[in-house]
Amino acid sequence: MPQASPDPSRAEAADTVARQSRRLFWIAVAIGLVTLAADQLSKWWAITHLTGGEATKVIDSLITFQLVYNPGAAFSTGTGVTWVFTIVSGVAAIATVIIAWRSGSRLWTAGLGLVFGGALTHFGDRLLRPPSFGNGHVVDFINYDNLFIGNVADIAIVVGVCLVVLAVLLGIHLRGHRIPKSTE
């Protein structure tokens, strides 16, 4: 019995989806690398221009620049287990890049790229900054009305997660198609 020949239009569509997914992956990587560069350049600026602990007003007292070295996570929690944050940020960077490989959505791609860049730069800080390998302190310098002090990578992670949540709320699947609403 002769085999049916594959549908050329179906194969062509699959090839187009694969090309788009690869293109979006490289866009996510580029967003991550730009985030890494922006974060590291801003930290270099903070280290060279700010005096540790002194606050410089940017927007009244709402936003000030104040250089601190954070051994912990958000709100300086977990300062005694910096090595755990090194592992978590490394795993997060790898996980986001793996997920980005499968992305077929621009919104997911942008969000994952920002999270990748933020996680990658935090991993680098934890791995390479003083006081020791794997226990490095993250450079924070953007003080939000004395609620917390963060950096560009933190902003990227928050915006990236918000974009992914927005995609989910809009019903956009990672692959780019809309998830049908339930008719229950």
Protein backbone atom coordinates (compact mmCIF):
# COMPACT_ATOMS: atom_id res chain seq x y z
CA MET A 1 0.00 0.00 0.00
CA PRO A 2 1.54 3.35 -0.99
CA GLN A 3 2.19 5.87 1.73
CA ALA A 4 0.52 9.24 1.59
CA SER A 5 2.96 12.00 0.85
CA PRO A 6 3.34 14.57 3.61
CA ASP A 7 1.30 17.72 3.22
CA PRO A 8 3.80 20.34 1.96
CA SER A 9 1.83 23.24 3.41
CA ARG A 10 1.86 21.62 6.85
CA ALA A 11 5.63 21.03 6.70
CA GLU A 12 6.11 24.61 5.51
CA ALA A 13 4.03 25.94 8.43
CA ALA A 14 6.03 23.87 10.92
CA ASP A 15 9.27 25.20 9.43
CA THR A 16 7.98 28.77 9.72
CA VAL A 17 7.05 28.24 13.38
CA ALA A 18 10.49 26.76 14.09
CA ARG A 19 12.24 29.72 12.42
CA GLN A 20 10.10 32.21 14.37
CA SER A 21 10.81 30.37 17.63
CA ARG A 22 14.57 30.45 16.98
CA ARG A 23 14.38 34.16 16.11
CA LEU A 24 12.43 34.90 19.29
CA PHE A 25 14.94 32.87 21.31
CA TRP A 26 17.81 35.02 20.06
CA ILE A 27 15.78 38.15 20.80
CA ALA A 28 15.31 36.92 24.39
CA VAL A 29 19.06 36.30 24.67
CA ALA A 30 19.77 39.79 23.27
CA ILE A 31 17.35 41.38 25.76
CA GLY A 32 19.10 39.45 28.52
CA LEU A 33 22.55 40.59 27.42
CA VAL A 34 21.43 44.23 27.13
CA THR A 35 19.94 43.93 30.63
CA LEU A 36 23.22 42.47 31.90
CA ALA A 37 25.22 45.30 30.33
CA ALA A 38 22.86 48.03 31.62
CA ASP A 39 22.92 46.57 35.12
CA GLN A 40 26.69 46.17 35.27
CA LEU A 41 27.33 49.63 33.81
CA SER A 42 24.94 51.21 36.31
CA LYS A 43 26.66 49.33 39.15
CA TRP A 44 30.06 50.50 37.90
CA TRP A 45 28.70 54.06 37.92
CA ALA A 46 27.31 53.63 41.45
CA ILE A 47 30.58 52.22 42.79
CA THR A 48 32.68 54.98 41.24
CA HIS A 49 30.37 57.94 41.97
CA LEU A 50 28.51 57.17 45.19
CA THR A 51 29.89 57.11 48.70
CA GLY A 52 28.75 54.06 50.66
CA GLY A 53 25.71 54.73 52.82
CA GLU A 54 25.17 58.39 51.85
CA ALA A 55 21.87 59.15 50.12
CA THR A 56 21.75 61.39 47.05
CA LYS A 57 18.26 62.68 46.24
CA VAL A 58 17.00 61.96 42.74
CA ILE A 59 13.24 62.50 43.09
CA ASP A 60 12.78 64.23 46.45
CA SER A 61 12.94 61.43 49.03
CA LEU A 62 10.94 58.98 46.88
CA ILE A 63 14.00 57.86 44.93
CA THR A 64 17.53 58.34 46.15
CA PHE A 65 20.83 56.78 45.18
CA GLN A 66 22.51 55.04 48.09
CA LEU A 67 25.31 52.50 47.59
CA VAL A 68 25.02 49.28 49.59
CA TYR A 69 26.41 45.78 49.16
CA ASN A 70 23.67 43.21 49.73
CA PRO A 71 24.66 39.68 50.81
CA GLY A 72 21.01 38.58 50.94
CA ALA A 73 17.95 38.53 48.75
CA ALA A 74 15.07 41.01 48.57
CA PHE A 75 14.89 43.23 51.64
CA SER A 76 18.28 41.77 52.71
CA THR A 77 16.71 38.48 53.78
CA GLY A 78 18.87 35.38 54.03
CA THR A 79 22.17 37.19 54.51
CA GLY A 80 23.76 34.08 56.02
CA VAL A 81 23.10 31.85 53.00
CA THR A 82 24.45 33.89 50.09
CA TRP A 83 25.64 30.70 48.35
CA VAL A 84 22.00 29.55 48.08
CA PHE A 85 21.15 32.72 46.13
CA THR A 86 24.13 32.03 43.87
CA ILE A 87 22.67 28.61 43.00
CA VAL A 88 19.10 29.93 42.67
CA SER A 89 20.12 32.77 40.33
CA GLY A 90 22.19 30.37 38.19
CA VAL A 91 19.30 27.89 37.94
CA ALA A 92 16.87 30.74 37.17
CA ALA A 93 19.09 31.99 34.33
CA ILE A 94 19.35 28.49 32.83
CA ALA A 95 15.62 27.80 33.26
CA THR A 96 14.53 31.04 31.60
CA VAL A 97 16.79 30.51 28.62
CA ILE A 98 15.46 26.94 28.21
CA ILE A 99 11.88 28.17 28.38
CA ALA A 100 12.71 31.01 25.96
CA TRP A 101 13.88 28.40 23.44
CA ARG A 102 10.25 27.25 23.20
CA SER A 103 8.69 30.72 23.02
CA GLY A 104 6.48 31.65 20.11
CA SER A 105 5.17 34.84 21.70
CA ARG A 106 6.76 38.28 21.65
CA LEU A 107 5.31 39.09 25.07
CA TRP A 108 6.70 35.90 26.62
CA THR A 109 10.02 36.51 24.85
CA ALA A 110 10.39 40.03 26.24
CA GLY A 111 9.48 38.89 29.75
CA LEU A 112 11.78 35.89 29.69
CA GLY A 113 14.63 37.96 28.24
CA LEU A 114 14.36 40.48 31.10
CA VAL A 115 14.21 37.74 33.75
CA PHE A 116 17.16 35.96 32.10
CA GLY A 117 19.26 39.14 32.11
CA GLY A 118 18.41 39.95 35.72
CA ALA A 119 19.09 36.42 36.93
CA LEU A 120 22.33 36.25 34.91
CA THR A 121 23.68 39.49 36.34
CA HIS A 122 22.75 38.47 39.90
CA PHE A 123 24.47 35.12 39.31
CA GLY A 124 27.60 36.93 38.12
CA ASP A 125 27.56 39.24 41.14
CA ARG A 126 27.12 36.36 43.56
CA LEU A 127 29.81 34.33 41.86
CA LEU A 128 32.47 36.99 41.26
CA ARG A 129 32.07 39.98 43.58
CA PRO A 130 33.71 40.25 47.01
CA PRO A 131 33.87 38.99 49.66
CA SER A 132 34.45 35.57 48.06
CA PHE A 133 33.71 33.32 45.08
CA GLY A 134 30.09 32.16 45.23
CA ASN A 135 29.32 34.42 48.20
CA GLY A 136 29.51 37.80 46.47
CA HIS A 137 27.41 40.73 47.55
CA VAL A 138 25.10 42.37 45.02
CA VAL A 139 25.56 46.09 44.42
CA ASP A 140 22.30 47.90 45.19
CA PHE A 141 21.91 51.65 44.86
CA ILE A 142 18.35 52.68 43.95
CA ASN A 143 16.58 53.48 47.23
CA TYR A 144 12.78 53.53 46.98
CA ASP A 145 11.62 55.85 49.79
CA ASN A 146 13.58 53.79 52.33
CA LEU A 147 11.37 50.75 51.66
CA PHE A 148 14.13 48.83 49.90
CA ILE A 149 17.26 49.38 47.84
CA GLY A 150 17.63 47.65 44.49
CA ASN A 151 19.34 47.85 41.12
CA VAL A 152 18.61 47.66 37.38
CA ALA A 153 18.55 43.83 37.43
CA ASP A 154 15.80 43.92 40.06
CA ILE A 155 13.75 46.25 37.87
CA ALA A 156 14.26 43.94 34.88
CA ILE A 157 13.16 40.87 36.85
CA VAL A 158 10.01 42.58 38.16
CA VAL A 159 9.06 43.95 34.71
CA GLY A 160 9.84 40.58 33.10
CA VAL A 161 7.66 38.67 35.55
CA CYS A 162 4.86 41.23 35.06
CA LEU A 163 5.04 40.67 31.26
CA VAL A 164 4.79 36.89 31.71
CA VAL A 165 1.85 37.31 34.11
CA LEU A 166 0.21 39.67 31.59
CA ALA A 167 0.64 37.05 28.86
CA VAL A 168 -1.00 34.44 31.07
CA LEU A 169 -3.86 36.79 31.97
CA LEU A 170 -4.39 37.58 28.28
CA GLY A 171 -4.53 33.85 27.57
CA ILE A 172 -1.37 33.81 25.45
CA HIS A 173 0.36 30.44 25.55
CA LEU A 174 4.16 30.25 25.63
CA ARG A 175 4.06 29.00 22.04
CA GLY A 176 2.20 32.14 21.01
CA HIS A 177 -1.33 30.92 20.42
CA ARG A 178 -4.33 32.05 22.42
CA ILE A 179 -5.65 29.65 25.01
CA PRO A 180 -9.39 29.17 24.41
CA LYS A 181 -11.62 30.32 27.24
CA SER A 182 -13.55 27.64 29.05
CA THR A 183 -17.28 27.49 28.28
CA GLU A 184 -18.30 25.93 31.58
